């Protein structure tokens, strides 16, 4: 499921994320998604 989120947000296909992305790519993608989610929650809660 995470590969679908990363592909949707950062491009590529879920299969590319699963088969070609390095652990650093995964880590960076997850970190950026987490930061984006945190910012959205801060805006939502003032």
PDB file of N, CA and C in Angstrom:
ATOM      1  N   UNK A   1       0.818  -1.197   0.000  1.00  0.00           N
ATOM      2  CA  UNK A   1       0.000   0.000   0.000  1.00  0.00           C
ATOM      3  C   UNK A   1       0.862   1.261   0.000  1.00  0.00           C
ATOM      4  N   UNK A   2       1.937   1.257   0.782  1.00  0.00           N
ATOM      5  CA  UNK A   2       2.795   2.432   0.843  1.00  0.00           C
ATOM      6  C   UNK A   2       3.394   2.754  -0.515  1.00  0.00           C
ATOM      7  N   UNK A   3       3.710   1.740  -1.292  1.00  0.00           N
ATOM      8  CA  UNK A   3       4.277   1.993  -2.621  1.00  0.00           C
ATOM      9  C   UNK A   3       3.287   2.760  -3.499  1.00  0.00           C
ATOM     10  N   UNK A   4       1.982   2.539  -3.315  1.00  0.00           N
ATOM     11  CA  UNK A   4       0.980   3.280  -4.075  1.00  0.00           C
ATOM     12  C   UNK A   4       0.968   4.750  -3.659  1.00  0.00           C
ATOM     13  N   UNK A   5       1.081   5.020  -2.360  1.00  0.00           N
ATOM     14  CA  UNK A   5       1.124   6.405  -1.888  1.00  0.00           C
ATOM     15  C   UNK A   5       2.354   7.135  -2.396  1.00  0.00           C
ATOM     16  N   UNK A   6       3.506   6.469  -2.322  1.00  0.00           N
ATOM     17  CA  UNK A   6       4.739   7.096  -2.790  1.00  0.00           C
ATOM     18  C   UNK A   6       4.699   7.350  -4.294  1.00  0.00           C
ATOM     19  N   UNK A   7       4.180   6.415  -5.053  1.00  0.00           N
ATOM     20  CA  UNK A   7       4.082   6.594  -6.502  1.00  0.00           C
ATOM     21  C   UNK A   7       3.131   7.734  -6.838  1.00  0.00           C
ATOM     22  N   UNK A   8       2.022   7.802  -6.137  1.00  0.00           N
ATOM     23  CA  UNK A   8       1.040   8.854  -6.393  1.00  0.00           C
ATOM     24  C   UNK A   8       1.612  10.231  -6.074  1.00  0.00           C
ATOM     25  N   UNK A   9       2.364  10.329  -5.000  1.00  0.00           N
ATOM     26  CA  UNK A   9       2.881  11.623  -4.554  1.00  0.00           C
ATOM     27  C   UNK A   9       4.152  12.040  -5.285  1.00  0.00           C
ATOM     28  N   UNK A  10       5.046  11.079  -5.537  1.00  0.00           N
ATOM     29  CA  UNK A  10       6.361  11.418  -6.064  1.00  0.00           C
ATOM     30  C   UNK A  10       6.626  10.917  -7.478  1.00  0.00           C
ATOM     31  N   UNK A  11       5.684  10.195  -8.059  1.00  0.00           N
ATOM     32  CA  UNK A  11       5.858   9.717  -9.422  1.00  0.00           C
ATOM     33  C   UNK A  11       6.340   8.285  -9.491  1.00  0.00           C
ATOM     34  N   UNK A  12       6.344   7.780 -10.694  1.00  0.00           N
ATOM     35  CA  UNK A  12       6.707   6.389 -10.901  1.00  0.00           C
ATOM     36  C   UNK A  12       5.486   5.496 -10.702  1.00  0.00           C
ATOM     37  N   UNK A  13       5.735   4.235 -10.648  1.00  0.00           N
ATOM     38  CA  UNK A  13       4.663   3.275 -10.412  1.00  0.00           C
ATOM     39  C   UNK A  13       4.934   2.571  -9.089  1.00  0.00           C
ATOM     40  N   UNK A  14       3.911   1.978  -8.502  1.00  0.00           N
ATOM     41  CA  UNK A  14       4.144   1.210  -7.277  1.00  0.00           C
ATOM     42  C   UNK A  14       5.182   0.106  -7.474  1.00  0.00           C
ATOM     43  N   UNK A  15       5.193  -0.488  -8.654  1.00  0.00           N
ATOM     44  CA  UNK A  15       6.130  -1.578  -8.932  1.00  0.00           C
ATOM     45  C   UNK A  15       7.559  -1.062  -9.005  1.00  0.00           C
ATOM     46  N   UNK A  16       7.730   0.142  -9.543  1.00  0.00           N
ATOM     47  CA  UNK A  16       9.064   0.739  -9.550  1.00  0.00           C
ATOM     48  C   UNK A  16       9.543   1.017  -8.130  1.00  0.00           C
ATOM     49  N   UNK A  17       8.645   1.508  -7.292  1.00  0.00           N
ATOM     50  CA  UNK A  17       9.016   1.762  -5.904  1.00  0.00           C
ATOM     51  C   UNK A  17       9.405   0.463  -5.217  1.00  0.00           C
ATOM     52  N   UNK A  18       8.673  -0.592  -5.474  1.00  0.00           N
ATOM     53  CA  UNK A  18       8.964  -1.871  -4.814  1.00  0.00           C
ATOM     54  C   UNK A  18      10.245  -2.499  -5.323  1.00  0.00           C
ATOM     55  N   UNK A  19      10.495  -2.388  -6.621  1.00  0.00           N
ATOM     56  CA  UNK A  19      11.590  -3.145  -7.233  1.00  0.00           C
ATOM     57  C   UNK A  19      12.867  -2.346  -7.468  1.00  0.00           C
ATOM     58  N   UNK A  20      12.771  -1.018  -7.591  1.00  0.00           N
ATOM     59  CA  UNK A  20      13.927  -0.231  -8.004  1.00  0.00           C
ATOM     60  C   UNK A  20      14.392   0.801  -6.980  1.00  0.00           C
ATOM     61  N   UNK A  21      13.532   1.200  -6.070  1.00  0.00           N
ATOM     62  CA  UNK A  21      13.901   2.242  -5.112  1.00  0.00           C
ATOM     63  C   UNK A  21      14.823   1.674  -4.035  1.00  0.00           C
ATOM     64  N   UNK A  22      15.786   2.473  -3.648  1.00  0.00           N
ATOM     65  CA  UNK A  22      16.716   2.056  -2.592  1.00  0.00           C
ATOM     66  C   UNK A  22      16.071   2.316  -1.226  1.00  0.00           C
ATOM     67  N   UNK A  23      16.625   1.753  -0.181  1.00  0.00           N
ATOM     68  CA  UNK A  23      16.125   2.056   1.161  1.00  0.00           C
ATOM     69  C   UNK A  23      16.178   3.556   1.472  1.00  0.00           C
ATOM     70  N   UNK A  24      17.170   4.253   0.923  1.00  0.00           N
ATOM     71  CA  UNK A  24      17.229   5.704   1.130  1.00  0.00           C
ATOM     72  C   UNK A  24      16.063   6.413   0.451  1.00  0.00           C
ATOM     73  N   UNK A  25      15.674   5.949  -0.744  1.00  0.00           N
ATOM     74  CA  UNK A  25      14.510   6.521  -1.436  1.00  0.00           C
ATOM     75  C   UNK A  25      13.251   6.335  -0.590  1.00  0.00           C
ATOM     76  N   UNK A  26      13.101   5.134  -0.076  1.00  0.00           N
ATOM     77  CA  UNK A  26      11.939   4.837   0.771  1.00  0.00           C
ATOM     78  C   UNK A  26      11.939   5.722   2.006  1.00  0.00           C
ATOM     79  N   UNK A  27      13.079   5.828   2.648  1.00  0.00           N
ATOM     80  CA  UNK A  27      13.175   6.643   3.860  1.00  0.00           C
ATOM     81  C   UNK A  27      12.856   8.102   3.603  1.00  0.00           C
ATOM     82  N   UNK A  28      13.393   8.634   2.517  1.00  0.00           N
ATOM     83  CA  UNK A  28      13.127  10.027   2.170  1.00  0.00           C
ATOM     84  C   UNK A  28      11.649  10.227   1.849  1.00  0.00           C
ATOM     85  N   UNK A  29      11.075   9.325   1.074  1.00  0.00           N
ATOM     86  CA  UNK A  29       9.649   9.437   0.726  1.00  0.00           C
ATOM     87  C   UNK A  29       8.755   9.391   1.951  1.00  0.00           C
ATOM     88  N   UNK A  30       9.038   8.465   2.850  1.00  0.00           N
ATOM     89  CA  UNK A  30       8.227   8.344   4.066  1.00  0.00           C
ATOM     90  C   UNK A  30       8.391   9.579   4.944  1.00  0.00           C
ATOM     91  N   UNK A  31       9.619  10.078   5.057  1.00  0.00           N
ATOM     92  CA  UNK A  31       9.861  11.283   5.859  1.00  0.00           C
ATOM     93  C   UNK A  31       9.096  12.474   5.300  1.00  0.00           C
ATOM     94  N   UNK A  32       9.131  12.648   3.970  1.00  0.00           N
ATOM     95  CA  UNK A  32       8.425  13.777   3.352  1.00  0.00           C
ATOM     96  C   UNK A  32       6.915  13.657   3.521  1.00  0.00           C
ATOM     97  N   UNK A  33       6.376  12.451   3.373  1.00  0.00           N
ATOM     98  CA  UNK A  33       4.943  12.250   3.600  1.00  0.00           C
ATOM     99  C   UNK A  33       4.578  12.569   5.043  1.00  0.00           C
ATOM    100  N   UNK A  34       5.405  12.141   5.978  1.00  0.00           N
ATOM    101  CA  UNK A  34       5.150  12.402   7.386  1.00  0.00           C
ATOM    102  C   UNK A  34       5.184  13.897   7.694  1.00  0.00           C
ATOM    103  N   UNK A  35       6.162  14.601   7.139  1.00  0.00           N
ATOM    104  CA  UNK A  35       6.245  16.049   7.343  1.00  0.00           C
ATOM    105  C   UNK A  35       5.024  16.751   6.767  1.00  0.00           C
ATOM    106  N   UNK A  36       4.585  16.314   5.595  1.00  0.00           N
ATOM    107  CA  UNK A  36       3.401  16.906   4.964  1.00  0.00           C
ATOM    108  C   UNK A  36       2.158  16.664   5.822  1.00  0.00           C
ATOM    109  N   UNK A  37       2.028  15.454   6.351  1.00  0.00           N
ATOM    110  CA  UNK A  37       0.885  15.125   7.193  1.00  0.00           C
ATOM    111  C   UNK A  37       0.903  15.970   8.475  1.00  0.00           C
ATOM    112  N   UNK A  38       2.075  16.162   9.057  1.00  0.00           N
ATOM    113  CA  UNK A  38       2.198  16.973  10.263  1.00  0.00           C
ATOM    114  C   UNK A  38       1.783  18.413   9.985  1.00  0.00           C
ATOM    115  N   UNK A  39       2.240  18.974   8.868  1.00  0.00           N
ATOM    116  CA  UNK A  39       1.853  20.345   8.504  1.00  0.00           C
ATOM    117  C   UNK A  39       0.344  20.463   8.309  1.00  0.00           C
ATOM    118  N   UNK A  40      -0.254  19.474   7.678  1.00  0.00           N
ATOM    119  CA  UNK A  40      -1.700  19.510   7.447  1.00  0.00           C
ATOM    120  C   UNK A  40      -2.456  19.459   8.766  1.00  0.00           C
ATOM    121  N   UNK A  41      -1.987  18.641   9.706  1.00  0.00           N
ATOM    122  CA  UNK A  41      -2.634  18.563  11.023  1.00  0.00           C
ATOM    123  C   UNK A  41      -2.499  19.872  11.782  1.00  0.00           C
ATOM    124  N   UNK A  42      -1.334  20.536  11.688  1.00  0.00           N
ATOM    125  CA  UNK A  42      -1.135  21.809  12.353  1.00  0.00           C
ATOM    126  C   UNK A  42      -2.075  22.877  11.795  1.00  0.00           C
ATOM    127  N   UNK A  43      -2.257  22.904  10.493  1.00  0.00           N
ATOM    128  CA  UNK A  43      -3.166  23.857   9.858  1.00  0.00           C
ATOM    129  C   UNK A  43      -4.599  23.560  10.285  1.00  0.00           C
ATOM    130  N   UNK A  44      -4.942  22.289  10.329  1.00  0.00           N
ATOM    131  CA  UNK A  44      -6.292  21.873  10.689  1.00  0.00           C
ATOM    132  C   UNK A  44      -6.646  22.250  12.122  1.00  0.00           C
ATOM    133  N   UNK A  45      -5.673  22.157  13.028  1.00  0.00           N
ATOM    134  CA  UNK A  45      -5.936  22.402  14.445  1.00  0.00           C
ATOM    135  C   UNK A  45      -5.508  23.797  14.892  1.00  0.00           C
ATOM    136  N   UNK A  46      -5.086  24.602  13.954  1.00  0.00           N
ATOM    137  CA  UNK A  46      -4.727  25.977  14.262  1.00  0.00           C
ATOM    138  C   UNK A  46      -3.445  26.079  14.926  1.00  0.00           C
TER     139      UNK A  46
END
